[in-house]
Amino acid sequence: MHAKTNTQQPNHKKMKHRILKPNSSLTGCRVLLLITTLWASAAALAAHALNGKGSFTGRTIATPLPNGKVALDFALRGPITHLGQSSVQLRSIADFSGPTPAPVAPSMGVITTSPRDTISFTVRWSVQQTSNGLFAVEGPFTITGGTGRFSNATGGGEYHGSVDLNNGTASAEMSGTLAR
């Protein structure tokens, strides 16, 4: 016995051609998936950016240089949001030959965290003399790298502070963003 096979050919005259249209629910799912992926990527990047503040006090040493310039070396300590107790070393040079000290770029510093990771930064500053030997300083800072968990750090912010050259003290407050 032979098995009967269906050899009937489709009737092309009866078939209707359909234009494929995007399935609206499938398209909606794709858009939702794209938005979710972009949101998750942005959240992952933002998770590595920390906003914080710091408050420091310490000593400054003023060393006269030729042509009315003075090297200012700061050694400060204080807490920083997310980093805990930290130390700051900053080296600036100022031109004291005019009526108000003027910064001589670059001013570079390093923050050392309690686990001994470092964050490198530069500062720009403006200064106002508030009385003889007392100065108010402010300006932006830019994070330029670091070591350990901050080896690729970037970011920046603003700071303001005071310098007392009469007794060799300094204090500063800062706020900004650190990305790694």
C-alpha atoms as a PDB file:
ATOM      1  CA  MET A   1       0.000   0.000   0.000  1.00  0.00           C
ATOM      2  CA  HIS A   2       1.172   3.351  -0.885  1.00  0.00           C
ATOM      3  CA  ALA A   3       0.819   6.273   1.453  1.00  0.00           C
ATOM      4  CA  LYS A   4      -1.156   9.091   0.010  1.00  0.00           C
ATOM      5  CA  THR A   5       0.813  12.303  -0.091  1.00  0.00           C
ATOM      6  CA  ASN A   6      -0.585  15.738  -0.470  1.00  0.00           C
ATOM      7  CA  THR A   7       0.828  17.081  -3.643  1.00  0.00           C
ATOM      8  CA  GLN A   8      -1.644  19.862  -3.966  1.00  0.00           C
ATOM      9  CA  GLN A   9       0.074  23.039  -5.051  1.00  0.00           C
ATOM     10  CA  PRO A  10      -0.981  26.342  -3.545  1.00  0.00           C
ATOM     11  CA  ASN A  11      -3.327  28.371  -5.615  1.00  0.00           C
ATOM     12  CA  HIS A  12      -1.386  31.573  -6.176  1.00  0.00           C
ATOM     13  CA  LYS A  13      -4.442  33.310  -7.487  1.00  0.00           C
ATOM     14  CA  LYS A  14      -6.221  32.900  -4.155  1.00  0.00           C
ATOM     15  CA  MET A  15      -3.251  34.027  -1.962  1.00  0.00           C
ATOM     16  CA  LYS A  16      -3.243  37.627  -0.849  1.00  0.00           C
ATOM     17  CA  HIS A  17       0.006  39.405  -0.472  1.00  0.00           C
ATOM     18  CA  ARG A  18       0.415  41.051   2.924  1.00  0.00           C
ATOM     19  CA  ILE A  19       2.720  43.922   3.621  1.00  0.00           C
ATOM     20  CA  LEU A  20       4.522  43.277   6.875  1.00  0.00           C
ATOM     21  CA  LYS A  21       3.813  46.046   9.330  1.00  0.00           C
ATOM     22  CA  PRO A  22       5.768  46.478  12.544  1.00  0.00           C
ATOM     23  CA  ASN A  23       3.986  44.832  15.404  1.00  0.00           C
ATOM     24  CA  SER A  24       3.129  47.767  17.663  1.00  0.00           C
ATOM     25  CA  SER A  25       3.486  45.741  20.863  1.00  0.00           C
ATOM     26  CA  LEU A  26       6.839  44.365  19.679  1.00  0.00           C
ATOM     27  CA  THR A  27       8.023  47.874  18.734  1.00  0.00           C
ATOM     28  CA  GLY A  28       6.883  49.168  22.141  1.00  0.00           C
ATOM     29  CA  CYS A  29       8.867  46.410  23.866  1.00  0.00           C
ATOM     30  CA  ARG A  30      11.971  47.304  21.865  1.00  0.00           C
ATOM     31  CA  VAL A  31      11.653  50.987  22.755  1.00  0.00           C
ATOM     32  CA  LEU A  32      11.120  50.098  26.421  1.00  0.00           C
ATOM     33  CA  LEU A  33      14.161  47.798  26.327  1.00  0.00           C
ATOM     34  CA  LEU A  34      16.263  50.562  24.744  1.00  0.00           C
ATOM     35  CA  ILE A  35      15.154  53.139  27.339  1.00  0.00           C
ATOM     36  CA  THR A  36      15.789  50.686  30.192  1.00  0.00           C
ATOM     37  CA  THR A  37      19.261  49.884  28.849  1.00  0.00           C
ATOM     38  CA  LEU A  38      20.154  53.571  28.511  1.00  0.00           C
ATOM     39  CA  TRP A  39      18.827  54.305  31.995  1.00  0.00           C
ATOM     40  CA  ALA A  40      20.801  51.407  33.495  1.00  0.00           C
ATOM     41  CA  SER A  41      23.966  52.588  31.726  1.00  0.00           C
ATOM     42  CA  ALA A  42      23.508  56.129  33.018  1.00  0.00           C
ATOM     43  CA  ALA A  43      22.842  54.814  36.524  1.00  0.00           C
ATOM     44  CA  ALA A  44      26.007  52.700  36.380  1.00  0.00           C
ATOM     45  CA  LEU A  45      28.054  55.732  35.356  1.00  0.00           C
ATOM     46  CA  ALA A  46      26.429  57.902  38.012  1.00  0.00           C
ATOM     47  CA  ALA A  47      27.137  55.233  40.633  1.00  0.00           C
ATOM     48  CA  HIS A  48      30.830  55.982  40.161  1.00  0.00           C
ATOM     49  CA  ALA A  49      30.422  59.752  40.605  1.00  0.00           C
ATOM     50  CA  LEU A  50      30.372  60.974  44.188  1.00  0.00           C
ATOM     51  CA  ASN A  51      29.321  64.421  45.342  1.00  0.00           C
ATOM     52  CA  GLY A  52      31.024  65.511  48.510  1.00  0.00           C
ATOM     53  CA  LYS A  53      32.335  68.188  50.795  1.00  0.00           C
ATOM     54  CA  GLY A  54      35.458  68.634  52.840  1.00  0.00           C
ATOM     55  CA  SER A  55      36.699  70.890  55.593  1.00  0.00           C
ATOM     56  CA  PHE A  56      40.415  71.281  56.323  1.00  0.00           C
ATOM     57  CA  THR A  57      42.690  73.103  58.735  1.00  0.00           C
ATOM     58  CA  GLY A  58      46.451  73.075  59.118  1.00  0.00           C
ATOM     59  CA  ARG A  59      49.731  74.824  58.573  1.00  0.00           C
ATOM     60  CA  THR A  60      51.239  76.843  55.773  1.00  0.00           C
ATOM     61  CA  ILE A  61      54.886  77.610  55.228  1.00  0.00           C
ATOM     62  CA  ALA A  62      55.816  80.695  53.193  1.00  0.00           C
ATOM     63  CA  THR A  63      59.264  80.551  51.577  1.00  0.00           C
ATOM     64  CA  PRO A  64      60.560  83.720  49.837  1.00  0.00           C
ATOM     65  CA  LEU A  65      61.707  83.270  46.242  1.00  0.00           C
ATOM     66  CA  PRO A  66      63.456  85.736  43.906  1.00  0.00           C
ATOM     67  CA  ASN A  67      61.562  88.633  42.265  1.00  0.00           C
ATOM     68  CA  GLY A  68      58.890  89.073  44.959  1.00  0.00           C
ATOM     69  CA  LYS A  69      57.511  85.557  44.643  1.00  0.00           C
ATOM     70  CA  VAL A  70      56.682  83.318  47.610  1.00  0.00           C
ATOM     71  CA  ALA A  71      56.251  79.532  47.669  1.00  0.00           C
ATOM     72  CA  LEU A  72      53.278  78.537  49.818  1.00  0.00           C
ATOM     73  CA  ASP A  73      53.253  74.950  51.082  1.00  0.00           C
ATOM     74  CA  PHE A  74      50.047  73.810  52.786  1.00  0.00           C
ATOM     75  CA  ALA A  75      49.654  70.736  55.006  1.00  0.00           C
ATOM     76  CA  LEU A  76      45.997  70.354  55.999  1.00  0.00           C
ATOM     77  CA  ARG A  77      43.780  67.637  57.514  1.00  0.00           C
ATOM     78  CA  GLY A  78      40.069  67.109  57.700  1.00  0.00           C
ATOM     79  CA  PRO A  79      37.090  64.949  56.806  1.00  0.00           C
ATOM     80  CA  ILE A  80      35.801  64.472  53.255  1.00  0.00           C
ATOM     81  CA  THR A  81      32.381  62.991  52.481  1.00  0.00           C
ATOM     82  CA  HIS A  82      32.720  59.307  51.426  1.00  0.00           C
ATOM     83  CA  LEU A  83      36.488  59.345  52.100  1.00  0.00           C
ATOM     84  CA  GLY A  84      36.738  60.019  55.839  1.00  0.00           C
ATOM     85  CA  GLN A  85      39.682  61.720  57.512  1.00  0.00           C
ATOM     86  CA  SER A  86      42.160  62.792  54.832  1.00  0.00           C
ATOM     87  CA  SER A  87      45.250  64.934  54.455  1.00  0.00           C
ATOM     88  CA  VAL A  88      45.925  67.592  51.823  1.00  0.00           C
ATOM     89  CA  GLN A  89      49.289  68.745  50.522  1.00  0.00           C
ATOM     90  CA  LEU A  90      49.214  71.794  48.256  1.00  0.00           C
ATOM     91  CA  ARG A  91      52.022  73.798  46.661  1.00  0.00           C
ATOM     92  CA  SER A  92      51.291  77.274  45.303  1.00  0.00           C
ATOM     93  CA  ILE A  93      53.474  80.145  44.232  1.00  0.00           C
ATOM     94  CA  ALA A  94      52.274  83.716  44.620  1.00  0.00           C
ATOM     95  CA  ASP A  95      53.698  86.958  43.301  1.00  0.00           C
ATOM     96  CA  PHE A  96      53.778  89.436  46.204  1.00  0.00           C
ATOM     97  CA  SER A  97      55.403  92.266  44.214  1.00  0.00           C
ATOM     98  CA  GLY A  98      52.060  94.063  43.660  1.00  0.00           C
ATOM     99  CA  PRO A  99      49.466  95.414  46.069  1.00  0.00           C
ATOM    100  CA  THR A 100      47.624  92.055  46.184  1.00  0.00           C
ATOM    101  CA  PRO A 101      49.278  88.624  45.875  1.00  0.00           C
ATOM    102  CA  ALA A 102      48.721  87.075  42.467  1.00  0.00           C
ATOM    103  CA  PRO A 103      48.805  83.328  41.810  1.00  0.00           C
ATOM    104  CA  VAL A 104      51.526  81.900  39.607  1.00  0.00           C
ATOM    105  CA  ALA A 105      50.217  78.759  37.872  1.00  0.00           C
ATOM    106  CA  PRO A 106      50.204  75.874  38.371  1.00  0.00           C
ATOM    107  CA  SER A 107      49.071  75.153  41.918  1.00  0.00           C
ATOM    108  CA  MET A 108      49.092  71.393  42.441  1.00  0.00           C
ATOM    109  CA  GLY A 109      48.008  69.231  45.322  1.00  0.00           C
ATOM    110  CA  VAL A 110      47.375  65.715  46.552  1.00  0.00           C
ATOM    111  CA  ILE A 111      44.702  64.376  48.891  1.00  0.00           C
ATOM    112  CA  THR A 112      45.712  61.218  50.758  1.00  0.00           C
ATOM    113  CA  THR A 113      42.843  59.121  52.125  1.00  0.00           C
ATOM    114  CA  SER A 114      43.097  56.940  55.236  1.00  0.00           C
ATOM    115  CA  PRO A 115      43.742  53.750  53.186  1.00  0.00           C
ATOM    116  CA  ARG A 116      46.616  55.681  51.512  1.00  0.00           C
ATOM    117  CA  ASP A 117      44.971  56.121  48.096  1.00  0.00           C
ATOM    118  CA  THR A 118      45.655  59.527  46.568  1.00  0.00           C
ATOM    119  CA  ILE A 119      43.696  62.035  44.504  1.00  0.00           C
ATOM    120  CA  SER A 120      45.712  64.566  42.479  1.00  0.00           C
ATOM    121  CA  PHE A 121      44.288  68.001  41.727  1.00  0.00           C
ATOM    122  CA  THR A 122      45.100  71.483  40.491  1.00  0.00           C
ATOM    123  CA  VAL A 123      43.612  74.722  41.788  1.00  0.00           C
ATOM    124  CA  ARG A 124      43.070  78.162  40.379  1.00  0.00           C
ATOM    125  CA  TRP A 125      42.582  80.884  42.919  1.00  0.00           C
ATOM    126  CA  SER A 126      41.860  84.482  43.527  1.00  0.00           C
ATOM    127  CA  VAL A 127      42.884  86.256  46.702  1.00  0.00           C
ATOM    128  CA  GLN A 128      41.822  89.252  48.728  1.00  0.00           C
ATOM    129  CA  GLN A 129      43.829  90.652  51.585  1.00  0.00           C
ATOM    130  CA  THR A 130      41.453  91.043  54.550  1.00  0.00           C
ATOM    131  CA  SER A 131      44.072  92.595  56.870  1.00  0.00           C
ATOM    132  CA  ASN A 132      47.842  92.630  57.285  1.00  0.00           C
ATOM    133  CA  GLY A 133      49.023  89.047  56.609  1.00  0.00           C
ATOM    134  CA  LEU A 134      45.461  87.637  56.372  1.00  0.00           C
ATOM    135  CA  PHE A 135      44.003  86.527  53.053  1.00  0.00           C
ATOM    136  CA  ALA A 136      40.726  85.105  51.751  1.00  0.00           C
ATOM    137  CA  VAL A 137      41.139  82.687  48.824  1.00  0.00           C
ATOM    138  CA  GLU A 138      38.666  80.979  46.522  1.00  0.00           C
ATOM    139  CA  GLY A 139      38.410  79.295  43.165  1.00  0.00           C
ATOM    140  CA  PRO A 140      37.837  76.088  41.268  1.00  0.00           C
ATOM    141  CA  PHE A 141      39.757  72.834  41.569  1.00  0.00           C
ATOM    142  CA  THR A 142      40.147  70.089  38.980  1.00  0.00           C
ATOM    143  CA  ILE A 143      40.816  66.436  39.813  1.00  0.00           C
ATOM    144  CA  THR A 144      43.519  65.108  37.487  1.00  0.00           C
ATOM    145  CA  GLY A 145      44.002  61.479  38.607  1.00  0.00           C
ATOM    146  CA  GLY A 146      45.307  59.568  41.565  1.00  0.00           C
ATOM    147  CA  THR A 147      46.486  56.172  42.787  1.00  0.00           C
ATOM    148  CA  GLY A 148      44.792  52.987  43.956  1.00  0.00           C
ATOM    149  CA  ARG A 149      41.033  53.097  43.571  1.00  0.00           C
ATOM    150  CA  PHE A 150      41.369  56.687  42.260  1.00  0.00           C
ATOM    151  CA  SER A 151      43.894  55.975  39.479  1.00  0.00           C
ATOM    152  CA  ASN A 152      41.499  57.255  36.792  1.00  0.00           C
ATOM    153  CA  ALA A 153      39.752  59.880  38.907  1.00  0.00           C
ATOM    154  CA  THR A 154      38.281  62.985  37.328  1.00  0.00           C
ATOM    155  CA  GLY A 155      36.014  65.743  38.574  1.00  0.00           C
ATOM    156  CA  GLY A 156      36.257  69.051  40.295  1.00  0.00           C
ATOM    157  CA  GLY A 157      34.444  71.718  42.223  1.00  0.00           C
ATOM    158  CA  GLU A 158      34.876  74.926  44.183  1.00  0.00           C
ATOM    159  CA  TYR A 159      36.691  75.882  47.371  1.00  0.00           C
ATOM    160  CA  HIS A 160      37.122  78.883  49.631  1.00  0.00           C
ATOM    161  CA  GLY A 161      39.394  79.437  52.566  1.00  0.00           C
ATOM    162  CA  SER A 162      41.689  81.674  54.544  1.00  0.00           C
ATOM    163  CA  VAL A 163      45.440  81.967  54.973  1.00  0.00           C
ATOM    164  CA  ASP A 164      47.093  83.628  57.963  1.00  0.00           C
ATOM    165  CA  LEU A 165      50.750  84.262  57.144  1.00  0.00           C
ATOM    166  CA  ASN A 166      51.271  85.908  60.575  1.00  0.00           C
ATOM    167  CA  ASN A 167      50.943  82.593  62.414  1.00  0.00           C
ATOM    168  CA  GLY A 168      51.282  80.119  59.497  1.00  0.00           C
ATOM    169  CA  THR A 169      47.762  78.662  59.531  1.00  0.00           C
ATOM    170  CA  ALA A 170      45.211  77.952  56.835  1.00  0.00           C
ATOM    171  CA  SER A 171      41.700  76.555  56.526  1.00  0.00           C
ATOM    172  CA  ALA A 172      39.510  75.635  53.573  1.00  0.00           C
ATOM    173  CA  GLU A 173      36.076  74.283  52.663  1.00  0.00           C
ATOM    174  CA  MET A 174      35.452  72.500  49.399  1.00  0.00           C
ATOM    175  CA  SER A 175      32.576  70.878  47.538  1.00  0.00           C
ATOM    176  CA  GLY A 176      32.596  68.993  44.276  1.00  0.00           C
ATOM    177  CA  THR A 177      32.260  65.759  42.367  1.00  0.00           C
ATOM    178  CA  LEU A 178      34.672  62.850  42.125  1.00  0.00           C
ATOM    179  CA  ALA A 179      34.249  60.345  39.283  1.00  0.00           C
ATOM    180  CA  ARG A 180      36.240  57.151  38.898  1.00  0.00           C
END
